[in-house]
Amino acid sequence: MVAIVGVVVIVGLIIIPVHDLRLGLPDASTLQKSSTQYKAYELLSKGFGPGFNGPLTIVSDADSRPKSDWSRIPGLVAQDLKQADDVANVSPPVTNKEGDIAIITATPKSGPSSTATQNLVKQIRAAAKQAQNRYHVTVLVTGTTAINIDTSSKLSAALPVFLVLVVGLALVIQTLVFRSLLVPITAVVGFLLTIGAALGATTFVFQLGHGQQILGIASSALIISFLPVLLVAILFGLAMDYEVFLVTRMRESYNATHDATGATIAGFKASARVVTAAAIIMISVFGSFIFGGTVTIATIGFALAFGVLVDAFLIRMTFVPAVHTLLGDRAWQLPRWIDRILPNVDIEGKHLQDQLGDRSAVTPTEA
């Protein structure tokens, strides 16, 4: 019980910074300060304001209106855009030859990756809907900044669905393999703790800026938007590998002895070295990404390395054996109604061994 509480407390403290997690796509402000791109970004920000690095493009399509109204519509749309908060400048409309399509550039006061710019995009799109109703024209917002914001929003919205799908499949497959309900639940809870710890530590270092000088990386105001999806995919595969290494041996020992505590100890002794070696290799590989390249690569490398560290040593080799020991025989029990529904997947080959044992016990006379 002490080990379980200790792991939960430690991981829980690491997860706390996730509350401040902000997702987005990188821009020149996240590059190394010695790079020419970062220097150019800073010069533009000082000379024209941070928003000059991420202008918004507004397209007005008045094709549905009479031609006599085309010339005045873009100016009205531009006038409405000037009323939005956090807008530093709105350019004069640029129209095509027919005059029905106009492009307007709005420069935010804040940088491309700031929360204020994200709110501005939402505000402009709300104003665009009002303009459509007022002037009966189509108004759309685009540009690199808007695309980055939309991409981050889509990935954030997809993450819960992806996580539920991955966790659900893990529960089903491990229930089939281990003929247990509590063992898969323990594995999935441990995986969720791993994901939370990896995101919490990454937010603490790369977004909140603690320990960046030690790692020799530049500061970043946000975490790249596809990192959570990447973490779930890669860490899930590694975590389940470690889980199978450990729990399969525990299951084999339990089937042979029906001693839950002894099976946990025997399975741990048999597989701990394999899991340790595999984890050290992956931590070394992912950790090497931290000290070279861009902040984006360093962020991904740090998150994966820290996630493997937590999952292998705190979750799989501390939390899971402790939970199994606490549960005892209950860890390997499956409700009868579930046992009747699920097909019997004999991964360990126990039934085959039993059949071979029964045959070998038959004497030549009996045969």
Protein backbone atom coordinates (compact mmCIF):
# COMPACT_ATOMS: atom_id res chain seq x y z
CA MET A 1 0.00 0.00 0.00
CA VAL A 2 2.90 2.37 0.77
CA ALA A 3 4.33 1.85 -2.71
CA ILE A 4 0.96 2.50 -4.36
CA VAL A 5 0.32 5.70 -2.42
CA GLY A 6 3.89 6.86 -2.97
CA VAL A 7 3.70 6.41 -6.74
CA VAL A 8 0.30 8.11 -6.97
CA VAL A 9 1.51 11.08 -4.91
CA ILE A 10 4.72 11.51 -6.90
CA VAL A 11 3.01 11.20 -10.27
CA GLY A 12 0.14 13.40 -9.08
CA LEU A 13 2.57 16.20 -8.23
CA ILE A 14 4.18 15.89 -11.66
CA ILE A 15 0.77 16.07 -13.35
CA ILE A 16 -0.20 19.39 -11.72
CA PRO A 17 1.40 21.66 -14.41
CA VAL A 18 -0.94 20.12 -17.03
CA HIS A 19 -3.46 22.69 -15.79
CA ASP A 20 -1.41 25.37 -17.59
CA LEU A 21 -0.91 23.36 -20.79
CA ARG A 22 -1.37 25.38 -23.99
CA LEU A 23 -1.23 23.67 -27.37
CA GLY A 24 -0.31 25.25 -30.69
CA LEU A 25 1.99 25.04 -33.68
CA PRO A 26 5.49 26.53 -33.48
CA ASP A 27 6.54 29.80 -35.08
CA ALA A 28 9.84 31.65 -35.32
CA SER A 29 9.56 32.78 -31.69
CA THR A 30 10.19 29.18 -30.54
CA LEU A 31 13.46 28.78 -32.47
CA GLN A 32 16.95 29.07 -31.05
CA LYS A 33 17.82 32.68 -30.22
CA SER A 34 20.97 32.43 -32.34
CA SER A 35 19.02 31.53 -35.50
CA THR A 36 18.40 34.11 -38.23
CA GLN A 37 14.68 33.32 -38.19
CA TYR A 38 14.39 34.21 -34.51
CA LYS A 39 16.39 37.42 -34.99
CA ALA A 40 14.17 38.45 -37.91
CA TYR A 41 11.07 37.70 -35.82
CA GLU A 42 12.35 39.91 -33.01
CA LEU A 43 13.22 42.77 -35.37
CA LEU A 44 9.75 42.70 -36.94
CA SER A 45 8.13 42.56 -33.50
CA LYS A 46 10.10 45.59 -32.27
CA GLY A 47 9.56 47.57 -35.45
CA PHE A 48 5.93 46.78 -36.27
CA GLY A 49 4.52 44.88 -33.30
CA PRO A 50 4.29 41.12 -32.53
CA GLY A 51 1.15 40.70 -34.63
CA PHE A 52 3.02 41.64 -37.81
CA ASN A 53 4.53 38.13 -37.74
CA GLY A 54 1.09 36.51 -37.99
CA PRO A 55 -1.41 38.60 -40.00
CA LEU A 56 -4.93 37.34 -40.61
CA THR A 57 -6.39 37.22 -44.11
CA ILE A 58 -10.10 37.97 -44.46
CA VAL A 59 -11.78 37.14 -47.76
CA SER A 60 -15.09 38.79 -48.70
CA ASP A 61 -17.17 37.27 -51.50
CA ALA A 62 -20.06 39.48 -52.66
CA ASP A 63 -21.01 37.43 -55.72
CA SER A 64 -24.55 36.92 -54.41
CA ARG A 65 -25.24 40.68 -54.34
CA PRO A 66 -26.07 42.98 -57.26
CA LYS A 67 -23.02 44.40 -59.04
CA SER A 68 -23.97 47.93 -58.03
CA ASP A 69 -23.23 47.05 -54.37
CA TRP A 70 -19.89 45.33 -54.90
CA SER A 71 -17.69 48.41 -54.58
CA ARG A 72 -18.88 49.48 -51.14
CA ILE A 73 -19.13 46.07 -49.42
CA PRO A 74 -15.37 45.47 -48.80
CA GLY A 75 -15.03 48.87 -47.15
CA LEU A 76 -17.94 48.13 -44.83
CA VAL A 77 -16.44 44.77 -43.86
CA ALA A 78 -13.06 46.40 -43.18
CA GLN A 79 -14.74 49.04 -41.02
CA ASP A 80 -16.37 46.31 -38.93
CA LEU A 81 -13.03 44.54 -38.50
CA LYS A 82 -11.45 47.69 -37.05
CA GLN A 83 -13.90 47.52 -34.13
CA ALA A 84 -12.52 44.15 -32.96
CA ASP A 85 -10.31 44.04 -29.88
CA ASP A 86 -6.57 43.41 -30.25
CA VAL A 87 -6.48 44.61 -33.88
CA ALA A 88 -3.50 46.85 -34.59
CA ASN A 89 -4.25 47.59 -38.22
CA VAL A 90 -6.66 46.71 -41.04
CA SER A 91 -5.39 47.13 -44.60
CA PRO A 92 -7.49 48.67 -47.38
CA PRO A 93 -9.44 46.00 -49.31
CA VAL A 94 -7.80 44.58 -52.43
CA THR A 95 -10.40 43.44 -54.99
CA ASN A 96 -10.24 41.28 -58.10
CA LYS A 97 -11.05 42.57 -61.59
CA GLU A 98 -14.75 41.85 -61.27
CA GLY A 99 -14.90 43.53 -57.85
CA ASP A 100 -16.87 40.76 -56.17
CA ILE A 101 -14.00 39.26 -54.13
CA ALA A 102 -11.88 41.33 -51.75
CA ILE A 103 -8.93 40.46 -49.54
CA ILE A 104 -8.43 42.33 -46.26
CA THR A 105 -5.41 41.87 -44.01
CA ALA A 106 -5.87 42.34 -40.26
CA THR A 107 -2.75 42.66 -38.11
CA PRO A 108 -3.20 41.61 -34.47
CA LYS A 109 -1.52 43.43 -31.60
CA SER A 110 -0.33 40.11 -30.14
CA GLY A 111 1.98 37.42 -31.48
CA PRO A 112 0.76 34.50 -33.63
CA SER A 113 0.86 31.96 -30.80
CA SER A 114 -0.63 34.12 -28.05
CA THR A 115 -3.97 33.51 -26.39
CA ALA A 116 -5.08 37.02 -27.36
CA THR A 117 -4.63 36.22 -31.06
CA GLN A 118 -6.61 33.01 -30.68
CA ASN A 119 -9.42 34.97 -29.08
CA LEU A 120 -9.17 37.55 -31.86
CA VAL A 121 -9.67 34.89 -34.53
CA LYS A 122 -12.81 33.72 -32.75
CA GLN A 123 -14.03 37.32 -32.48
CA ILE A 124 -13.38 38.06 -36.15
CA ARG A 125 -15.21 34.89 -37.19
CA ALA A 126 -18.15 35.89 -35.04
CA ALA A 127 -18.08 39.32 -36.69
CA ALA A 128 -17.85 37.61 -40.09
CA LYS A 129 -21.12 35.80 -39.44
CA GLN A 130 -22.74 39.10 -38.54
CA ALA A 131 -21.35 40.65 -41.74
CA GLN A 132 -22.81 37.81 -43.77
CA ASN A 133 -26.24 38.48 -42.29
CA ARG A 134 -25.92 42.26 -42.55
CA TYR A 135 -24.44 42.60 -46.04
CA HIS A 136 -25.44 39.21 -47.51
CA VAL A 137 -21.86 38.35 -48.43
CA THR A 138 -19.56 35.45 -47.56
CA VAL A 139 -16.72 36.40 -45.20
CA LEU A 140 -13.96 33.90 -44.41
CA VAL A 141 -10.86 34.08 -42.20
CA THR A 142 -7.63 32.33 -43.23
CA GLY A 143 -3.86 32.77 -43.14
CA THR A 144 -1.09 30.80 -41.46
CA THR A 145 -2.05 31.94 -37.97
CA ALA A 146 -5.72 30.97 -38.40
CA ILE A 147 -4.74 27.62 -39.93
CA ASN A 148 -2.42 26.86 -37.01
CA ILE A 149 -5.15 27.71 -34.52
CA ASP A 150 -7.69 25.51 -36.35
CA THR A 151 -5.23 22.61 -36.57
CA SER A 152 -4.52 22.78 -32.84
CA SER A 153 -8.24 22.90 -32.05
CA LYS A 154 -8.96 19.87 -34.23
CA LEU A 155 -6.16 17.83 -32.66
CA SER A 156 -7.25 18.80 -29.15
CA ALA A 157 -10.83 17.78 -29.93
CA ALA A 158 -9.69 14.44 -31.39
CA LEU A 159 -7.49 13.51 -28.40
CA PRO A 160 -10.30 12.34 -26.03
CA VAL A 161 -11.82 10.15 -28.75
CA PHE A 162 -8.42 8.69 -29.60
CA LEU A 163 -7.63 8.08 -25.92
CA VAL A 164 -10.97 6.34 -25.28
CA LEU A 165 -10.45 4.14 -28.34
CA VAL A 166 -6.92 3.16 -27.30
CA VAL A 167 -7.88 2.52 -23.68
CA GLY A 168 -10.99 0.56 -24.71
CA LEU A 169 -9.03 -1.72 -27.04
CA ALA A 170 -6.39 -2.26 -24.35
CA LEU A 171 -9.03 -3.32 -21.84
CA VAL A 172 -10.64 -5.77 -24.25
CA ILE A 173 -7.40 -7.33 -25.50
CA GLN A 174 -5.82 -7.70 -22.07
CA THR A 175 -9.04 -9.15 -20.65
CA LEU A 176 -8.90 -11.78 -23.39
CA VAL A 177 -5.22 -12.52 -22.84
CA PHE A 178 -5.01 -12.54 -19.04
CA ARG A 179 -8.57 -13.75 -18.28
CA SER A 180 -8.85 -11.02 -15.68
CA LEU A 181 -10.68 -7.74 -15.23
CA LEU A 182 -8.61 -6.04 -12.54
CA VAL A 183 -5.25 -6.64 -14.27
CA PRO A 184 -6.23 -4.70 -17.44
CA ILE A 185 -7.82 -1.92 -15.35
CA THR A 186 -4.59 -1.59 -13.36
CA ALA A 187 -2.58 -1.45 -16.60
CA VAL A 188 -4.81 1.25 -18.09
CA VAL A 189 -4.81 3.36 -14.90
CA GLY A 190 -1.02 3.17 -14.90
CA PHE A 191 -0.92 4.25 -18.55
CA LEU A 192 -3.11 7.28 -17.83
CA LEU A 193 -0.76 8.24 -14.98
CA THR A 194 2.17 7.95 -17.40
CA ILE A 195 0.55 10.23 -20.00
CA GLY A 196 -0.34 12.78 -17.35
CA ALA A 197 3.19 12.76 -15.91
CA ALA A 198 4.80 13.15 -19.36
CA LEU A 199 2.57 16.11 -20.25
CA GLY A 200 3.00 17.67 -16.80
CA ALA A 201 6.79 17.51 -16.87
CA THR A 202 6.91 18.79 -20.46
CA THR A 203 4.67 21.73 -19.56
CA PHE A 204 6.78 22.48 -16.48
CA VAL A 205 10.01 22.62 -18.49
CA PHE A 206 9.10 23.87 -21.97
CA GLN A 207 6.09 26.09 -21.31
CA LEU A 208 6.68 27.37 -17.80
CA GLY A 209 10.44 27.58 -18.45
CA HIS A 210 11.89 25.69 -15.46
CA GLY A 211 15.25 24.01 -16.05
CA GLN A 212 15.61 25.11 -19.67
CA GLN A 213 19.11 26.50 -19.11
CA ILE A 214 20.25 23.14 -17.76
CA LEU A 215 18.96 21.39 -20.86
CA GLY A 216 20.32 24.11 -23.14
CA ILE A 217 17.05 24.81 -24.95
CA ALA A 218 15.24 28.00 -25.92
CA SER A 219 12.02 29.07 -24.28
CA SER A 220 8.63 28.23 -25.76
CA ALA A 221 5.25 29.74 -24.91
CA LEU A 222 3.26 26.66 -25.92
CA ILE A 223 3.47 22.91 -26.54
CA ILE A 224 3.21 21.63 -30.09
CA SER A 225 -0.37 20.60 -30.75
CA PHE A 226 0.21 17.04 -31.97
CA LEU A 227 2.40 16.08 -28.99
CA PRO A 228 -0.44 14.58 -26.84
CA VAL A 229 -1.61 12.37 -29.72
CA LEU A 230 1.98 11.32 -30.42
CA LEU A 231 2.56 10.54 -26.74
CA VAL A 232 -0.58 8.44 -26.46
CA ALA A 233 0.33 6.41 -29.55
CA ILE A 234 4.00 5.75 -28.79
CA LEU A 235 3.87 5.47 -25.01
CA PHE A 236 0.85 3.18 -25.20
CA GLY A 237 2.77 0.73 -27.36
CA LEU A 238 5.81 0.79 -25.09
CA ALA A 239 3.76 0.64 -21.88
CA MET A 240 1.79 -2.38 -23.07
CA ASP A 241 5.03 -4.10 -24.12
CA TYR A 242 6.41 -3.68 -20.61
CA GLU A 243 3.07 -4.77 -19.16
CA VAL A 244 3.01 -7.94 -21.23
CA PHE A 245 6.63 -8.77 -20.35
CA LEU A 246 5.85 -8.60 -16.63
CA VAL A 247 2.27 -9.81 -16.35
CA THR A 248 2.61 -12.78 -18.73
CA ARG A 249 5.26 -14.31 -16.49
CA MET A 250 3.12 -13.55 -13.43
CA ARG A 251 0.15 -15.24 -15.07
CA GLU A 252 2.20 -18.31 -16.00
CA SER A 253 3.48 -18.62 -12.44
CA TYR A 254 -0.02 -18.18 -10.99
CA ASN A 255 -1.46 -20.87 -13.27
CA ALA A 256 1.24 -23.26 -12.06
CA THR A 257 1.17 -22.48 -8.33
CA HIS A 258 -2.08 -20.53 -7.63
CA ASP A 259 -0.02 -18.42 -5.24
CA ALA A 260 -0.79 -14.80 -6.15
CA THR A 261 1.99 -13.18 -4.13
CA GLY A 262 4.57 -15.73 -5.16
CA ALA A 263 3.50 -15.38 -8.80
CA THR A 264 3.96 -11.61 -8.65
CA ILE A 265 7.46 -11.99 -7.19
CA ALA A 266 8.44 -14.72 -9.66
CA GLY A 267 7.13 -12.78 -12.66
CA PHE A 268 8.92 -9.64 -11.55
CA LYS A 269 12.22 -11.47 -11.07
CA ALA A 270 11.92 -13.10 -14.50
CA SER A 271 11.10 -9.93 -16.49
CA ALA A 272 12.45 -6.94 -14.54
CA ARG A 273 15.85 -7.06 -16.24
CA VAL A 274 14.29 -7.17 -19.71
CA VAL A 275 12.03 -4.22 -18.95
CA THR A 276 14.91 -2.26 -17.42
CA ALA A 277 17.16 -2.83 -20.42
CA ALA A 278 14.41 -1.96 -22.90
CA ALA A 279 13.50 1.19 -20.99
CA ILE A 280 17.10 2.41 -20.74
CA ILE A 281 17.52 1.95 -24.50
CA MET A 282 14.37 3.96 -25.30
CA ILE A 283 15.20 6.69 -22.76
CA SER A 284 18.65 7.06 -24.30
CA VAL A 285 17.25 7.26 -27.83
CA PHE A 286 14.50 9.76 -27.01
CA GLY A 287 16.73 11.74 -24.66
CA SER A 288 19.31 12.32 -27.39
CA PHE A 289 16.73 14.46 -29.24
CA ILE A 290 16.74 17.01 -26.42
CA PHE A 291 20.24 18.31 -27.04
CA GLY A 292 20.10 18.96 -30.76
CA GLY A 293 17.80 20.54 -33.31
CA THR A 294 14.79 22.74 -32.69
CA VAL A 295 12.62 23.24 -29.63
CA THR A 296 9.92 21.11 -31.26
CA ILE A 297 12.22 18.10 -31.54
CA ALA A 298 13.55 18.69 -28.02
CA THR A 299 9.99 18.81 -26.67
CA ILE A 300 9.04 15.52 -28.30
CA GLY A 301 12.26 13.83 -27.15
CA PHE A 302 11.89 15.04 -23.56
CA ALA A 303 8.22 14.02 -23.30
CA LEU A 304 8.86 10.52 -24.65
CA ALA A 305 12.00 9.97 -22.56
CA PHE A 306 10.32 11.13 -19.36
CA GLY A 307 7.20 9.11 -20.15
CA VAL A 308 9.22 5.90 -20.59
CA LEU A 309 11.13 6.64 -17.37
CA VAL A 310 7.92 7.03 -15.37
CA ASP A 311 6.11 4.12 -16.99
CA ALA A 312 8.90 1.56 -16.73
CA PHE A 313 10.23 2.27 -13.25
CA LEU A 314 7.33 3.86 -11.35
CA ILE A 315 4.29 2.29 -13.01
CA ARG A 316 5.20 -1.16 -14.41
CA MET A 317 7.85 -2.17 -11.87
CA THR A 318 6.46 -0.48 -8.75
CA PHE A 319 2.77 0.41 -9.04
CA VAL A 320 1.57 -2.69 -10.95
CA PRO A 321 3.32 -5.34 -8.77
CA ALA A 322 2.16 -3.52 -5.62
CA VAL A 323 -1.46 -3.50 -6.82
CA HIS A 324 -1.27 -7.19 -7.77
CA THR A 325 0.14 -8.07 -4.36
CA LEU A 326 -2.60 -6.09 -2.63
CA LEU A 327 -5.35 -7.73 -4.71
CA GLY A 328 -4.01 -11.26 -4.28
CA ASP A 329 -6.14 -13.95 -5.98
CA ARG A 330 -8.75 -11.35 -6.95
CA ALA A 331 -6.34 -9.95 -9.53
CA TRP A 332 -6.68 -13.14 -11.61
CA GLN A 333 -10.42 -13.66 -11.31
CA LEU A 334 -12.91 -12.97 -14.07
CA PRO A 335 -16.67 -12.69 -13.48
CA ARG A 336 -18.41 -15.80 -14.78
CA TRP A 337 -20.78 -13.96 -17.08
CA ILE A 338 -17.83 -12.24 -18.77
CA ASP A 339 -15.90 -15.53 -18.90
CA ARG A 340 -18.78 -17.16 -20.78
CA ILE A 341 -18.96 -14.34 -23.33
CA LEU A 342 -15.26 -13.98 -24.11
CA PRO A 343 -13.42 -16.52 -26.28
CA ASN A 344 -10.68 -18.39 -24.47
CA VAL A 345 -7.38 -17.17 -25.96
CA ASP A 346 -4.74 -19.46 -24.49
CA ILE A 347 -1.65 -17.26 -24.90
CA GLU A 348 0.47 -19.16 -22.39
CA GLY A 349 -0.44 -22.57 -23.86
CA LYS A 350 -1.72 -23.88 -20.53
CA HIS A 351 -4.54 -25.94 -22.05
CA LEU A 352 -2.13 -27.47 -24.56
CA GLN A 353 0.25 -28.41 -21.75
CA ASP A 354 -2.64 -29.95 -19.80
CA GLN A 355 -3.66 -32.01 -22.83
CA LEU A 356 -0.11 -33.18 -23.43
CA GLY A 357 0.21 -34.02 -19.76
CA ASP A 358 -3.00 -36.07 -19.85
CA ARG A 359 -1.76 -38.00 -22.89
CA SER A 360 1.61 -38.73 -21.34
CA ALA A 361 -0.18 -40.06 -18.27
CA VAL A 362 -1.99 -42.69 -20.37
CA THR A 363 -0.21 -46.10 -20.18
CA PRO A 364 0.35 -48.25 -23.29
CA THR A 365 -2.18 -50.79 -22.00
CA GLU A 366 -4.81 -48.07 -21.55
CA ALA A 367 -4.05 -46.73 -25.02
